[in-house]
Amino acid sequence: MKCFLTSSPFLPDRSSINPANGFADRIRSSVPSPCKALFICSDPDSHEQTDGFAQAVRANLEALGLQFSQYAVLDGRNEDKAGELVGGAELIILAGGHVPTQNRFFVKVGLREWMRSFDGVLVGISAGTMNSSEVVYAQPELEGEATDPNYQRFLPGLGLTKKMILPHYQMLKDEVLDGLRVMKDIAYPDSQSRRFYLLVDGSYLCIEDGREEVFGESYLLADGKLSQISKPGESAVL
Protein backbone atom coordinates (compact mmCIF):
# COMPACT_ATOMS: atom_id res chain seq x y z
CA MET A 1 0.00 0.00 0.00
CA LYS A 2 1.09 3.53 -0.74
CA CYS A 3 -0.47 6.29 1.37
CA PHE A 4 -0.76 10.01 0.81
CA LEU A 5 -2.00 11.55 4.06
CA THR A 6 -2.88 15.16 3.28
CA SER A 7 -4.10 18.20 5.13
CA SER A 8 -6.00 19.23 2.02
CA PRO A 9 -5.03 18.10 -1.49
CA PHE A 10 -6.86 21.01 -3.11
CA LEU A 11 -6.15 24.61 -3.89
CA PRO A 12 -7.96 26.96 -1.46
CA ASP A 13 -11.00 27.32 -3.74
CA ARG A 14 -11.09 23.53 -4.30
CA SER A 15 -10.97 24.16 -8.04
CA SER A 16 -8.15 21.67 -8.63
CA ILE A 17 -5.55 19.45 -7.02
CA ASN A 18 -2.78 21.47 -5.38
CA PRO A 19 0.48 20.91 -7.31
CA ALA A 20 2.60 22.14 -4.38
CA ASN A 21 5.37 19.88 -3.09
CA GLY A 22 4.99 17.51 -6.04
CA PHE A 23 1.66 16.12 -4.86
CA ALA A 24 -0.16 16.23 -8.20
CA ASP A 25 2.75 14.58 -10.01
CA ARG A 26 3.08 11.83 -7.39
CA ILE A 27 -0.61 11.01 -7.49
CA ARG A 28 -0.59 10.93 -11.27
CA SER A 29 2.37 8.56 -11.36
CA SER A 30 1.16 6.34 -8.49
CA VAL A 31 -2.44 5.63 -9.47
CA PRO A 32 -3.13 3.25 -12.38
CA SER A 33 -5.34 4.68 -15.08
CA PRO A 34 -8.01 3.59 -15.58
CA CYS A 35 -8.50 2.47 -12.01
CA LYS A 36 -11.20 1.31 -9.62
CA ALA A 37 -11.69 3.94 -6.91
CA LEU A 38 -13.57 3.93 -3.62
CA PHE A 39 -14.54 7.12 -1.79
CA ILE A 40 -15.24 6.51 1.92
CA CYS A 41 -17.41 9.05 3.69
CA SER A 42 -16.92 10.98 6.91
CA ASP A 43 -20.61 10.89 7.89
CA PRO A 44 -22.57 7.78 6.86
CA ASP A 45 -25.91 9.61 7.02
CA SER A 46 -25.02 12.80 5.10
CA HIS A 47 -25.65 11.28 1.69
CA GLU A 48 -26.01 14.46 -0.34
CA GLN A 49 -22.86 15.99 1.15
CA THR A 50 -20.92 12.74 0.61
CA ASP A 51 -22.01 12.43 -3.02
CA GLY A 52 -21.13 16.05 -3.73
CA PHE A 53 -17.68 15.78 -2.17
CA ALA A 54 -17.01 12.45 -3.89
CA GLN A 55 -17.84 13.86 -7.30
CA ALA A 56 -15.75 16.99 -6.70
CA VAL A 57 -12.74 14.82 -5.84
CA ARG A 58 -13.35 12.69 -8.92
CA ALA A 59 -13.53 15.74 -11.18
CA ASN A 60 -10.27 17.10 -9.79
CA LEU A 61 -8.50 13.78 -10.26
CA GLU A 62 -9.82 13.46 -13.80
CA ALA A 63 -8.46 16.93 -14.50
CA LEU A 64 -5.03 15.48 -13.67
CA GLY A 65 -5.55 12.91 -16.40
CA LEU A 66 -6.70 9.97 -14.28
CA GLN A 67 -9.47 7.77 -15.64
CA PHE A 68 -11.83 5.55 -13.68
CA SER A 69 -13.35 2.24 -14.67
CA GLN A 70 -15.27 2.37 -11.39
CA TYR A 71 -15.86 5.08 -8.80
CA ALA A 72 -17.86 3.82 -5.82
CA VAL A 73 -18.93 5.52 -2.60
CA LEU A 74 -19.06 3.78 0.78
CA ASP A 75 -21.41 5.24 3.40
CA GLY A 76 -24.44 4.20 5.41
CA ARG A 77 -26.39 3.16 2.32
CA ASN A 78 -24.09 0.23 1.53
CA GLU A 79 -22.04 -0.29 4.68
CA ASP A 80 -22.73 -4.04 4.56
CA LYS A 81 -20.61 -4.18 1.38
CA ALA A 82 -17.52 -2.55 2.93
CA GLY A 83 -15.29 -5.60 2.56
CA GLU A 84 -16.32 -6.18 -1.03
CA LEU A 85 -15.79 -2.54 -1.99
CA VAL A 86 -12.38 -2.27 -0.32
CA GLY A 87 -11.29 -5.56 -1.85
CA GLY A 88 -12.17 -4.39 -5.35
CA ALA A 89 -10.52 -0.96 -5.13
CA GLU A 90 -7.16 0.19 -6.45
CA LEU A 91 -7.52 3.72 -5.06
CA ILE A 92 -9.20 4.55 -1.74
CA ILE A 93 -10.02 8.12 -0.72
CA LEU A 94 -10.86 8.87 2.91
CA ALA A 95 -13.02 11.97 3.13
CA GLY A 96 -12.58 14.96 5.38
CA GLY A 97 -15.17 15.86 8.01
CA HIS A 98 -15.84 15.36 11.72
CA VAL A 99 -13.18 13.01 13.09
CA PRO A 100 -15.22 11.15 15.78
CA THR A 101 -18.17 10.65 13.42
CA GLN A 102 -15.95 9.15 10.74
CA ASN A 103 -14.07 7.10 13.33
CA ARG A 104 -17.31 5.50 14.55
CA PHE A 105 -18.22 4.57 10.99
CA PHE A 106 -14.78 3.04 10.35
CA VAL A 107 -15.16 0.94 13.50
CA LYS A 108 -18.72 -0.09 12.62
CA VAL A 109 -17.77 -1.44 9.17
CA GLY A 110 -14.50 -2.99 10.37
CA LEU A 111 -12.45 -0.88 8.01
CA ARG A 112 -9.17 -1.45 9.85
CA GLU A 113 -9.43 -5.20 9.22
CA TRP A 114 -10.47 -4.80 5.59
CA MET A 115 -7.52 -2.46 4.99
CA ARG A 116 -5.00 -5.11 6.07
CA SER A 117 -5.20 -6.76 2.65
CA PHE A 118 -5.46 -3.56 0.59
CA ASP A 119 -2.50 -3.16 -1.74
CA GLY A 120 -3.37 -0.05 -3.71
CA VAL A 121 -3.05 3.71 -3.20
CA LEU A 122 -4.78 5.51 -0.35
CA VAL A 123 -5.39 9.25 -0.10
CA GLY A 124 -6.44 10.71 3.24
CA ILE A 125 -8.07 14.13 3.40
CA SER A 126 -8.09 15.98 6.76
CA ALA A 127 -10.22 13.76 9.04
CA GLY A 128 -9.42 10.78 6.84
CA THR A 129 -5.74 11.47 7.41
CA MET A 130 -6.22 11.78 11.16
CA ASN A 131 -8.20 8.54 11.37
CA SER A 132 -5.42 6.69 9.52
CA SER A 133 -3.20 6.74 12.60
CA GLU A 134 -2.75 3.91 15.09
CA VAL A 135 -3.99 6.27 17.79
CA VAL A 136 -6.04 9.22 16.55
CA TYR A 137 -5.82 12.60 18.23
CA ALA A 138 -9.39 13.80 17.77
CA GLN A 139 -8.77 17.41 18.62
CA PRO A 140 -12.01 19.16 19.66
CA GLU A 141 -13.52 21.00 16.69
CA LEU A 142 -17.24 21.55 17.36
CA GLU A 143 -18.74 23.91 19.90
CA GLY A 144 -18.91 22.28 23.33
CA GLU A 145 -16.36 19.56 22.63
CA ALA A 146 -13.42 21.39 24.20
CA THR A 147 -15.19 21.71 27.55
CA ASP A 148 -17.07 18.39 27.54
CA PRO A 149 -15.45 16.11 30.16
CA ASN A 150 -16.82 13.05 28.32
CA TYR A 151 -15.37 13.97 24.92
CA GLN A 152 -12.78 11.37 23.87
CA ARG A 153 -9.66 13.01 22.41
CA PHE A 154 -7.81 9.77 21.67
CA LEU A 155 -9.41 7.05 19.54
CA PRO A 156 -8.31 3.82 17.85
CA GLY A 157 -7.56 4.39 14.16
CA LEU A 158 -6.74 2.40 11.03
CA GLY A 159 -3.13 1.81 12.05
CA LEU A 160 -1.56 2.92 8.76
CA THR A 161 0.96 5.04 10.67
CA LYS A 162 1.89 5.64 14.29
CA LYS A 163 2.15 9.38 13.63
CA MET A 164 -0.68 11.45 15.12
CA ILE A 165 -1.42 14.11 12.52
CA LEU A 166 -3.11 17.50 12.83
CA PRO A 167 -4.06 19.07 9.47
CA HIS A 168 -4.82 22.72 8.62
CA TYR A 169 -2.22 24.12 11.00
CA GLN A 170 -2.27 27.45 9.15
CA MET A 171 -5.84 27.89 10.44
CA LEU A 172 -5.64 26.10 13.78
CA LYS A 173 -2.83 28.25 15.14
CA ASP A 174 -5.21 31.21 15.47
CA GLU A 175 -8.47 29.37 16.13
CA VAL A 176 -10.51 29.67 19.34
CA LEU A 177 -13.10 27.10 20.48
CA ASP A 178 -15.25 27.31 23.62
CA GLY A 179 -13.15 30.26 24.76
CA LEU A 180 -9.94 28.25 24.45
CA ARG A 181 -7.10 28.65 21.97
CA VAL A 182 -7.18 25.44 19.94
CA MET A 183 -3.40 25.12 19.85
CA LYS A 184 -2.02 26.86 22.94
CA ASP A 185 -4.75 25.86 25.38
CA ILE A 186 -5.73 22.44 23.98
CA ALA A 187 -3.14 20.83 21.70
CA TYR A 188 -0.06 22.02 23.59
CA PRO A 189 -1.14 20.48 26.93
CA ASP A 190 -2.36 17.33 25.13
CA SER A 191 1.10 16.93 23.58
CA GLN A 192 2.72 16.14 26.93
CA SER A 193 4.49 12.78 26.47
CA ARG A 194 3.12 12.68 22.92
CA ARG A 195 4.17 13.78 19.44
CA PHE A 196 1.77 15.55 17.06
CA TYR A 197 2.74 16.18 13.44
CA LEU A 198 1.23 19.39 12.08
CA LEU A 199 0.56 19.86 8.37
CA VAL A 200 -0.54 22.95 6.50
CA ASP A 201 -2.74 22.65 3.42
CA GLY A 202 -0.58 21.55 0.50
CA SER A 203 1.69 19.40 2.70
CA TYR A 204 1.34 15.65 3.08
CA LEU A 205 2.88 12.51 4.54
CA CYS A 206 3.82 9.82 2.02
CA ILE A 207 4.13 6.24 3.29
CA GLU A 208 5.54 3.43 1.16
CA ASP A 209 7.44 0.24 2.03
CA GLY A 210 7.84 1.33 5.64
CA ARG A 211 9.33 4.72 4.70
CA GLU A 212 7.49 7.81 5.95
CA GLU A 213 8.41 11.12 4.36
CA VAL A 214 6.70 14.45 4.83
CA PHE A 215 6.60 16.90 1.92
CA GLY A 216 6.05 20.61 2.39
CA GLU A 217 5.69 22.81 5.44
CA SER A 218 5.33 20.74 8.59
CA TYR A 219 5.92 20.95 12.33
CA LEU A 220 6.35 18.73 15.36
CA LEU A 221 4.52 19.49 18.60
CA ALA A 222 5.93 17.41 21.44
CA ASP A 223 5.84 17.94 25.20
CA GLY A 224 4.35 21.39 24.70
CA LYS A 225 7.11 22.59 22.37
CA LEU A 226 6.78 23.37 18.66
CA SER A 227 9.58 22.89 16.13
CA GLN A 228 9.61 23.03 12.35
CA ILE A 229 10.36 19.80 10.49
CA SER A 230 10.35 21.03 6.90
CA LYS A 231 9.70 24.21 4.91
CA PRO A 232 7.64 24.69 1.73
CA GLY A 233 9.24 22.76 -1.11
CA GLU A 234 11.30 20.64 1.28
CA SER A 235 10.85 17.09 2.54
CA ALA A 236 11.99 15.15 5.59
CA VAL A 237 12.04 11.47 6.47
CA LEU A 238 10.27 10.89 9.78
C-alpha atoms as a PDB file:
ATOM      1  CA  MET A   1       0.000   0.000   0.000  1.00  0.00           C
ATOM      2  CA  LYS A   2       1.085   3.534  -0.735  1.00  0.00           C
ATOM      3  CA  CYS A   3      -0.470   6.289   1.373  1.00  0.00           C
ATOM      4  CA  PHE A   4      -0.756  10.013   0.813  1.00  0.00           C
ATOM      5  CA  LEU A   5      -2.005  11.555   4.056  1.00  0.00           C
ATOM      6  CA  THR A   6      -2.882  15.158   3.282  1.00  0.00           C
ATOM      7  CA  SER A   7      -4.097  18.203   5.129  1.00  0.00           C
ATOM      8  CA  SER A   8      -6.004  19.228   2.019  1.00  0.00           C
ATOM      9  CA  PRO A   9      -5.030  18.101  -1.486  1.00  0.00           C
ATOM     10  CA  PHE A  10      -6.864  21.012  -3.109  1.00  0.00           C
ATOM     11  CA  LEU A  11      -6.153  24.615  -3.894  1.00  0.00           C
ATOM     12  CA  PRO A  12      -7.965  26.957  -1.456  1.00  0.00           C
ATOM     13  CA  ASP A  13     -11.003  27.318  -3.742  1.00  0.00           C
ATOM     14  CA  ARG A  14     -11.086  23.526  -4.298  1.00  0.00           C
ATOM     15  CA  SER A  15     -10.967  24.157  -8.045  1.00  0.00           C
ATOM     16  CA  SER A  16      -8.149  21.675  -8.635  1.00  0.00           C
ATOM     17  CA  ILE A  17      -5.553  19.454  -7.023  1.00  0.00           C
ATOM     18  CA  ASN A  18      -2.783  21.468  -5.377  1.00  0.00           C
ATOM     19  CA  PRO A  19       0.480  20.906  -7.305  1.00  0.00           C
ATOM     20  CA  ALA A  20       2.604  22.139  -4.379  1.00  0.00           C
ATOM     21  CA  ASN A  21       5.367  19.882  -3.094  1.00  0.00           C
ATOM     22  CA  GLY A  22       4.993  17.513  -6.044  1.00  0.00           C
ATOM     23  CA  PHE A  23       1.656  16.117  -4.862  1.00  0.00           C
ATOM     24  CA  ALA A  24      -0.160  16.231  -8.198  1.00  0.00           C
ATOM     25  CA  ASP A  25       2.748  14.581 -10.013  1.00  0.00           C
ATOM     26  CA  ARG A  26       3.083  11.835  -7.392  1.00  0.00           C
ATOM     27  CA  ILE A  27      -0.606  11.009  -7.487  1.00  0.00           C
ATOM     28  CA  ARG A  28      -0.586  10.932 -11.267  1.00  0.00           C
ATOM     29  CA  SER A  29       2.367   8.556 -11.365  1.00  0.00           C
ATOM     30  CA  SER A  30       1.164   6.336  -8.495  1.00  0.00           C
ATOM     31  CA  VAL A  31      -2.436   5.633  -9.466  1.00  0.00           C
ATOM     32  CA  PRO A  32      -3.125   3.250 -12.376  1.00  0.00           C
ATOM     33  CA  SER A  33      -5.338   4.678 -15.079  1.00  0.00           C
ATOM     34  CA  PRO A  34      -8.013   3.591 -15.582  1.00  0.00           C
ATOM     35  CA  CYS A  35      -8.503   2.468 -12.006  1.00  0.00           C
ATOM     36  CA  LYS A  36     -11.205   1.315  -9.617  1.00  0.00           C
ATOM     37  CA  ALA A  37     -11.692   3.944  -6.912  1.00  0.00           C
ATOM     38  CA  LEU A  38     -13.570   3.927  -3.624  1.00  0.00           C
ATOM     39  CA  PHE A  39     -14.541   7.120  -1.790  1.00  0.00           C
ATOM     40  CA  ILE A  40     -15.235   6.506   1.920  1.00  0.00           C
ATOM     41  CA  CYS A  41     -17.413   9.050   3.692  1.00  0.00           C
ATOM     42  CA  SER A  42     -16.918  10.984   6.906  1.00  0.00           C
ATOM     43  CA  ASP A  43     -20.613  10.892   7.892  1.00  0.00           C
ATOM     44  CA  PRO A  44     -22.569   7.784   6.865  1.00  0.00           C
ATOM     45  CA  ASP A  45     -25.906   9.609   7.023  1.00  0.00           C
ATOM     46  CA  SER A  46     -25.016  12.801   5.100  1.00  0.00           C
ATOM     47  CA  HIS A  47     -25.646  11.279   1.687  1.00  0.00           C
ATOM     48  CA  GLU A  48     -26.007  14.456  -0.336  1.00  0.00           C
ATOM     49  CA  GLN A  49     -22.856  15.985   1.147  1.00  0.00           C
ATOM     50  CA  THR A  50     -20.921  12.744   0.605  1.00  0.00           C
ATOM     51  CA  ASP A  51     -22.008  12.427  -3.018  1.00  0.00           C
ATOM     52  CA  GLY A  52     -21.131  16.051  -3.729  1.00  0.00           C
ATOM     53  CA  PHE A  53     -17.682  15.775  -2.170  1.00  0.00           C
ATOM     54  CA  ALA A  54     -17.010  12.447  -3.888  1.00  0.00           C
ATOM     55  CA  GLN A  55     -17.839  13.856  -7.302  1.00  0.00           C
ATOM     56  CA  ALA A  56     -15.753  16.989  -6.698  1.00  0.00           C
ATOM     57  CA  VAL A  57     -12.738  14.822  -5.835  1.00  0.00           C
ATOM     58  CA  ARG A  58     -13.347  12.693  -8.921  1.00  0.00           C
ATOM     59  CA  ALA A  59     -13.526  15.743 -11.183  1.00  0.00           C
ATOM     60  CA  ASN A  60     -10.272  17.103  -9.786  1.00  0.00           C
ATOM     61  CA  LEU A  61      -8.497  13.782 -10.262  1.00  0.00           C
ATOM     62  CA  GLU A  62      -9.824  13.461 -13.796  1.00  0.00           C
ATOM     63  CA  ALA A  63      -8.460  16.933 -14.498  1.00  0.00           C
ATOM     64  CA  LEU A  64      -5.025  15.477 -13.674  1.00  0.00           C
ATOM     65  CA  GLY A  65      -5.550  12.911 -16.400  1.00  0.00           C
ATOM     66  CA  LEU A  66      -6.702   9.974 -14.277  1.00  0.00           C
ATOM     67  CA  GLN A  67      -9.472   7.773 -15.636  1.00  0.00           C
ATOM     68  CA  PHE A  68     -11.833   5.554 -13.683  1.00  0.00           C
ATOM     69  CA  SER A  69     -13.346   2.241 -14.671  1.00  0.00           C
ATOM     70  CA  GLN A  70     -15.267   2.365 -11.393  1.00  0.00           C
ATOM     71  CA  TYR A  71     -15.860   5.075  -8.796  1.00  0.00           C
ATOM     72  CA  ALA A  72     -17.856   3.818  -5.824  1.00  0.00           C
ATOM     73  CA  VAL A  73     -18.933   5.517  -2.603  1.00  0.00           C
ATOM     74  CA  LEU A  74     -19.057   3.781   0.781  1.00  0.00           C
ATOM     75  CA  ASP A  75     -21.412   5.237   3.398  1.00  0.00           C
ATOM     76  CA  GLY A  76     -24.444   4.201   5.408  1.00  0.00           C
ATOM     77  CA  ARG A  77     -26.391   3.157   2.322  1.00  0.00           C
ATOM     78  CA  ASN A  78     -24.092   0.232   1.527  1.00  0.00           C
ATOM     79  CA  GLU A  79     -22.036  -0.295   4.681  1.00  0.00           C
ATOM     80  CA  ASP A  80     -22.732  -4.040   4.557  1.00  0.00           C
ATOM     81  CA  LYS A  81     -20.608  -4.180   1.383  1.00  0.00           C
ATOM     82  CA  ALA A  82     -17.522  -2.548   2.929  1.00  0.00           C
ATOM     83  CA  GLY A  83     -15.289  -5.596   2.565  1.00  0.00           C
ATOM     84  CA  GLU A  84     -16.317  -6.182  -1.029  1.00  0.00           C
ATOM     85  CA  LEU A  85     -15.788  -2.538  -1.994  1.00  0.00           C
ATOM     86  CA  VAL A  86     -12.376  -2.267  -0.318  1.00  0.00           C
ATOM     87  CA  GLY A  87     -11.288  -5.560  -1.849  1.00  0.00           C
ATOM     88  CA  GLY A  88     -12.173  -4.387  -5.350  1.00  0.00           C
ATOM     89  CA  ALA A  89     -10.518  -0.960  -5.130  1.00  0.00           C
ATOM     90  CA  GLU A  90      -7.157   0.193  -6.450  1.00  0.00           C
ATOM     91  CA  LEU A  91      -7.522   3.722  -5.064  1.00  0.00           C
ATOM     92  CA  ILE A  92      -9.196   4.554  -1.744  1.00  0.00           C
ATOM     93  CA  ILE A  93     -10.018   8.121  -0.722  1.00  0.00           C
ATOM     94  CA  LEU A  94     -10.859   8.867   2.911  1.00  0.00           C
ATOM     95  CA  ALA A  95     -13.024  11.973   3.127  1.00  0.00           C
ATOM     96  CA  GLY A  96     -12.578  14.959   5.383  1.00  0.00           C
ATOM     97  CA  GLY A  97     -15.166  15.859   8.015  1.00  0.00           C
ATOM     98  CA  HIS A  98     -15.842  15.357  11.722  1.00  0.00           C
ATOM     99  CA  VAL A  99     -13.177  13.010  13.088  1.00  0.00           C
ATOM    100  CA  PRO A 100     -15.215  11.153  15.778  1.00  0.00           C
ATOM    101  CA  THR A 101     -18.170  10.651  13.419  1.00  0.00           C
ATOM    102  CA  GLN A 102     -15.947   9.153  10.740  1.00  0.00           C
ATOM    103  CA  ASN A 103     -14.071   7.104  13.328  1.00  0.00           C
ATOM    104  CA  ARG A 104     -17.308   5.502  14.553  1.00  0.00           C
ATOM    105  CA  PHE A 105     -18.224   4.571  10.987  1.00  0.00           C
ATOM    106  CA  PHE A 106     -14.784   3.041  10.349  1.00  0.00           C
ATOM    107  CA  VAL A 107     -15.156   0.936  13.497  1.00  0.00           C
ATOM    108  CA  LYS A 108     -18.718  -0.091  12.621  1.00  0.00           C
ATOM    109  CA  VAL A 109     -17.774  -1.438   9.174  1.00  0.00           C
ATOM    110  CA  GLY A 110     -14.501  -2.994  10.374  1.00  0.00           C
ATOM    111  CA  LEU A 111     -12.451  -0.876   8.011  1.00  0.00           C
ATOM    112  CA  ARG A 112      -9.171  -1.449   9.847  1.00  0.00           C
ATOM    113  CA  GLU A 113      -9.428  -5.200   9.221  1.00  0.00           C
ATOM    114  CA  TRP A 114     -10.470  -4.799   5.592  1.00  0.00           C
ATOM    115  CA  MET A 115      -7.521  -2.462   4.991  1.00  0.00           C
ATOM    116  CA  ARG A 116      -5.001  -5.106   6.065  1.00  0.00           C
ATOM    117  CA  SER A 117      -5.201  -6.756   2.649  1.00  0.00           C
ATOM    118  CA  PHE A 118      -5.462  -3.562   0.594  1.00  0.00           C
ATOM    119  CA  ASP A 119      -2.497  -3.157  -1.738  1.00  0.00           C
ATOM    120  CA  GLY A 120      -3.369  -0.051  -3.713  1.00  0.00           C
ATOM    121  CA  VAL A 121      -3.048   3.705  -3.203  1.00  0.00           C
ATOM    122  CA  LEU A 122      -4.777   5.514  -0.350  1.00  0.00           C
ATOM    123  CA  VAL A 123      -5.387   9.251  -0.099  1.00  0.00           C
ATOM    124  CA  GLY A 124      -6.444  10.706   3.238  1.00  0.00           C
ATOM    125  CA  ILE A 125      -8.067  14.127   3.404  1.00  0.00           C
ATOM    126  CA  SER A 126      -8.092  15.983   6.757  1.00  0.00           C
ATOM    127  CA  ALA A 127     -10.224  13.763   9.044  1.00  0.00           C
ATOM    128  CA  GLY A 128      -9.418  10.782   6.844  1.00  0.00           C
ATOM    129  CA  THR A 129      -5.740  11.469   7.407  1.00  0.00           C
ATOM    130  CA  MET A 130      -6.220  11.784  11.162  1.00  0.00           C
ATOM    131  CA  ASN A 131      -8.196   8.541  11.372  1.00  0.00           C
ATOM    132  CA  SER A 132      -5.420   6.695   9.516  1.00  0.00           C
ATOM    133  CA  SER A 133      -3.199   6.745  12.603  1.00  0.00           C
ATOM    134  CA  GLU A 134      -2.752   3.909  15.085  1.00  0.00           C
ATOM    135  CA  VAL A 135      -3.993   6.267  17.788  1.00  0.00           C
ATOM    136  CA  VAL A 136      -6.044   9.216  16.555  1.00  0.00           C
ATOM    137  CA  TYR A 137      -5.820  12.604  18.228  1.00  0.00           C
ATOM    138  CA  ALA A 138      -9.393  13.798  17.775  1.00  0.00           C
ATOM    139  CA  GLN A 139      -8.770  17.414  18.624  1.00  0.00           C
ATOM    140  CA  PRO A 140     -12.014  19.157  19.660  1.00  0.00           C
ATOM    141  CA  GLU A 141     -13.516  20.996  16.695  1.00  0.00           C
ATOM    142  CA  LEU A 142     -17.240  21.548  17.360  1.00  0.00           C
ATOM    143  CA  GLU A 143     -18.743  23.910  19.903  1.00  0.00           C
ATOM    144  CA  GLY A 144     -18.914  22.285  23.326  1.00  0.00           C
ATOM    145  CA  GLU A 145     -16.358  19.556  22.628  1.00  0.00           C
ATOM    146  CA  ALA A 146     -13.416  21.388  24.199  1.00  0.00           C
ATOM    147  CA  THR A 147     -15.186  21.713  27.554  1.00  0.00           C
ATOM    148  CA  ASP A 148     -17.072  18.386  27.536  1.00  0.00           C
ATOM    149  CA  PRO A 149     -15.446  16.106  30.159  1.00  0.00           C
ATOM    150  CA  ASN A 150     -16.820  13.054  28.320  1.00  0.00           C
ATOM    151  CA  TYR A 151     -15.371  13.971  24.925  1.00  0.00           C
ATOM    152  CA  GLN A 152     -12.782  11.370  23.872  1.00  0.00           C
ATOM    153  CA  ARG A 153      -9.661  13.009  22.414  1.00  0.00           C
ATOM    154  CA  PHE A 154      -7.807   9.770  21.669  1.00  0.00           C
ATOM    155  CA  LEU A 155      -9.412   7.055  19.541  1.00  0.00           C
ATOM    156  CA  PRO A 156      -8.309   3.819  17.850  1.00  0.00           C
ATOM    157  CA  GLY A 157      -7.563   4.388  14.157  1.00  0.00           C
ATOM    158  CA  LEU A 158      -6.738   2.403  11.027  1.00  0.00           C
ATOM    159  CA  GLY A 159      -3.126   1.806  12.053  1.00  0.00           C
ATOM    160  CA  LEU A 160      -1.564   2.915   8.757  1.00  0.00           C
ATOM    161  CA  THR A 161       0.962   5.043  10.669  1.00  0.00           C
ATOM    162  CA  LYS A 162       1.894   5.643  14.291  1.00  0.00           C
ATOM    163  CA  LYS A 163       2.148   9.381  13.625  1.00  0.00           C
ATOM    164  CA  MET A 164      -0.678  11.451  15.124  1.00  0.00           C
ATOM    165  CA  ILE A 165      -1.418  14.107  12.522  1.00  0.00           C
ATOM    166  CA  LEU A 166      -3.106  17.496  12.829  1.00  0.00           C
ATOM    167  CA  PRO A 167      -4.062  19.073   9.472  1.00  0.00           C
ATOM    168  CA  HIS A 168      -4.825  22.716   8.617  1.00  0.00           C
ATOM    169  CA  TYR A 169      -2.215  24.122  10.999  1.00  0.00           C
ATOM    170  CA  GLN A 170      -2.271  27.448   9.148  1.00  0.00           C
ATOM    171  CA  MET A 171      -5.838  27.891  10.441  1.00  0.00           C
ATOM    172  CA  LEU A 172      -5.642  26.099  13.781  1.00  0.00           C
ATOM    173  CA  LYS A 173      -2.829  28.252  15.141  1.00  0.00           C
ATOM    174  CA  ASP A 174      -5.212  31.215  15.474  1.00  0.00           C
ATOM    175  CA  GLU A 175      -8.472  29.373  16.129  1.00  0.00           C
ATOM    176  CA  VAL A 176     -10.508  29.667  19.339  1.00  0.00           C
ATOM    177  CA  LEU A 177     -13.097  27.103  20.485  1.00  0.00           C
ATOM    178  CA  ASP A 178     -15.249  27.308  23.617  1.00  0.00           C
ATOM    179  CA  GLY A 179     -13.152  30.262  24.759  1.00  0.00           C
ATOM    180  CA  LEU A 180      -9.935  28.251  24.448  1.00  0.00           C
ATOM    181  CA  ARG A 181      -7.098  28.653  21.968  1.00  0.00           C
ATOM    182  CA  VAL A 182      -7.180  25.444  19.944  1.00  0.00           C
ATOM    183  CA  MET A 183      -3.398  25.120  19.852  1.00  0.00           C
ATOM    184  CA  LYS A 184      -2.020  26.862  22.939  1.00  0.00           C
ATOM    185  CA  ASP A 185      -4.753  25.858  25.384  1.00  0.00           C
ATOM    186  CA  ILE A 186      -5.728  22.436  23.978  1.00  0.00           C
ATOM    187  CA  ALA A 187      -3.137  20.828  21.697  1.00  0.00           C
ATOM    188  CA  TYR A 188      -0.056  22.017  23.589  1.00  0.00           C
ATOM    189  CA  PRO A 189      -1.145  20.484  26.931  1.00  0.00           C
ATOM    190  CA  ASP A 190      -2.357  17.334  25.133  1.00  0.00           C
ATOM    191  CA  SER A 191       1.102  16.925  23.579  1.00  0.00           C
ATOM    192  CA  GLN A 192       2.721  16.143  26.927  1.00  0.00           C
ATOM    193  CA  SER A 193       4.489  12.779  26.472  1.00  0.00           C
ATOM    194  CA  ARG A 194       3.118  12.682  22.921  1.00  0.00           C
ATOM    195  CA  ARG A 195       4.167  13.775  19.435  1.00  0.00           C
ATOM    196  CA  PHE A 196       1.775  15.548  17.063  1.00  0.00           C
ATOM    197  CA  TYR A 197       2.743  16.176  13.442  1.00  0.00           C
ATOM    198  CA  LEU A 198       1.227  19.393  12.083  1.00  0.00           C
ATOM    199  CA  LEU A 199       0.564  19.858   8.370  1.00  0.00           C
ATOM    200  CA  VAL A 200      -0.538  22.953   6.495  1.00  0.00           C
ATOM    201  CA  ASP A 201      -2.736  22.647   3.416  1.00  0.00           C
ATOM    202  CA  GLY A 202      -0.582  21.551   0.496  1.00  0.00           C
ATOM    203  CA  SER A 203       1.686  19.405   2.699  1.00  0.00           C
ATOM    204  CA  TYR A 204       1.344  15.649   3.083  1.00  0.00           C
ATOM    205  CA  LEU A 205       2.884  12.511   4.543  1.00  0.00           C
ATOM    206  CA  CYS A 206       3.818   9.823   2.022  1.00  0.00           C
ATOM    207  CA  ILE A 207       4.126   6.244   3.286  1.00  0.00           C
ATOM    208  CA  GLU A 208       5.543   3.427   1.159  1.00  0.00           C
ATOM    209  CA  ASP A 209       7.443   0.243   2.026  1.00  0.00           C
ATOM    210  CA  GLY A 210       7.840   1.335   5.638  1.00  0.00           C
ATOM    211  CA  ARG A 211       9.328   4.721   4.702  1.00  0.00           C
ATOM    212  CA  GLU A 212       7.493   7.813   5.951  1.00  0.00           C
ATOM    213  CA  GLU A 213       8.410  11.123   4.359  1.00  0.00           C
ATOM    214  CA  VAL A 214       6.701  14.452   4.832  1.00  0.00           C
ATOM    215  CA  PHE A 215       6.596  16.896   1.920  1.00  0.00           C
ATOM    216  CA  GLY A 216       6.052  20.607   2.390  1.00  0.00           C
ATOM    217  CA  GLU A 217       5.690  22.811   5.437  1.00  0.00           C
ATOM    218  CA  SER A 218       5.327  20.739   8.590  1.00  0.00           C
ATOM    219  CA  TYR A 219       5.917  20.952  12.331  1.00  0.00           C
ATOM    220  CA  LEU A 220       6.350  18.731  15.364  1.00  0.00           C
ATOM    221  CA  LEU A 221       4.518  19.493  18.597  1.00  0.00           C
ATOM    222  CA  ALA A 222       5.931  17.408  21.440  1.00  0.00           C
ATOM    223  CA  ASP A 223       5.842  17.942  25.201  1.00  0.00           C
ATOM    224  CA  GLY A 224       4.354  21.386  24.696  1.00  0.00           C
ATOM    225  CA  LYS A 225       7.113  22.588  22.367  1.00  0.00           C
ATOM    226  CA  LEU A 226       6.782  23.368  18.664  1.00  0.00           C
ATOM    227  CA  SER A 227       9.584  22.885  16.131  1.00  0.00           C
ATOM    228  CA  GLN A 228       9.609  23.028  12.352  1.00  0.00           C
ATOM    229  CA  ILE A 229      10.355  19.805  10.494  1.00  0.00           C
ATOM    230  CA  SER A 230      10.350  21.035   6.905  1.00  0.00           C
ATOM    231  CA  LYS A 231       9.704  24.213   4.915  1.00  0.00           C
ATOM    232  CA  PRO A 232       7.635  24.688   1.734  1.00  0.00           C
ATOM    233  CA  GLY A 233       9.242  22.762  -1.105  1.00  0.00           C
ATOM    234  CA  GLU A 234      11.305  20.639   1.282  1.00  0.00           C
ATOM    235  CA  SER A 235      10.846  17.093   2.539  1.00  0.00           C
ATOM    236  CA  ALA A 236      11.994  15.145   5.591  1.00  0.00           C
ATOM    237  CA  VAL A 237      12.039  11.474   6.467  1.00  0.00           C
ATOM    238  CA  LEU A 238      10.270  10.893   9.784  1.00  0.00           C
END
